């Protein structure tokens, strides 16, 4: 009996091993044959902890900051990661006996609680007692008086790689102020979650604004450190001045690294899906269409009360991310994109779809659409009925030229 039982067990184990090998082979084949259309890309999923942000590279910057009076430009994303969690950069620098004397805050504020386009007030940080000076509102550039007595400035804010996301504009003005005051600036680099592609219309400088200051495509495929090098190198600061710039680089990062931000970069970008869709749905900020503000699915859906009735609907209400959402309290019909695949291009089809669903009695394009697009051409192309492919083809020449320019400033592959 013992011998027979052993043989049965042996053959059972062999059978299970053979079956598992077949299953693994089938799974691998199925995955490798997965078809993605031209709007999507598959990238290697890189675990967040493998990438070390600039702020973690303390050996590269502590000696530079010691015995100096430091100003920090930061928000809720300015953190140093560790196995036990994360610590805000300002708290960490103070603990390391770096003399941080003031903090400058961008759009949404130092703790990231302000609504989009809402003026951020000056104040005092409750935790540290440090003065906080707003760089969003009337004062977008540090004044000479505000920088008086400062020996070095640290800029550490998470970007999402989209031209109309205002943190790169804040960085421009900080660099300019530092150049004028002969104060060195250190950029603590962070990954670009949309760094895996370059696409969209290129800004025409006659439409320069705080939501677009430089002649770059909508999605520029650079980290904030690389972008700072380009601002400096291309003479984009006032009077072509240049600042004394030091980049504290990332570790274990490439532009194809898929990075899921552990902290939302602003109130209305709650997750990876929203951040990936933001370049495509951000155009709706300059229209009458609601792009999910006033819901928990910001930039993952779009709709309006005047759209044709459909299976998907929602009602925007004031919330953490939006005090006054478009079509507040009204039932909106629209499109849910929560399950969309990972984009590797700007999908202008969403904008065209919304335009075609909007009755002629409604004004679709708002006053800020041109500055979001960076030109007047896009609005006219949509009104003329061009397809998404026809529109994106008009971007190719400018994108090709930008890619050549971009190579001079890349830090990562």
Foldseek 3Di string as FASTA:
>chain_A
DVVVVVVVVVVVVVVVVVVVVVVVVVVVVVVVPDDDDPFFDDFDADDQVQKFWLLQPCVVPVVVQPPFEEEEEAAQQQWGADPVGIDHSVVVCVVVVRHHAAYEYEPCGRHQQDAPLDFDCWDADPVPRHTYHYLHDPNVADDPVNCPRGQEYEYEAFDQQFQQPQPLLSVLRDFLRCLVNQHEYEYTWDAHLLLQAAFAAFADCVLADSRHHDRGHRGHNAISQLVLCLCLVVLSHPPSTHHNYHYSGMPPDASSHNHWRPCQRHDQQHTSQQSQQCSQLVLQVQWLKFQQAQHPQHNQWIWDLQFPDDPDKDARDADSHHNDTRNHRHITDTDGRPPPHRGNYHQNQRVLVVVVRDDPVGTTGHPCSCSSNNHPVVVVCSVVPHDRVVVRVVRVVSNVVSVVSSVVRHPHD
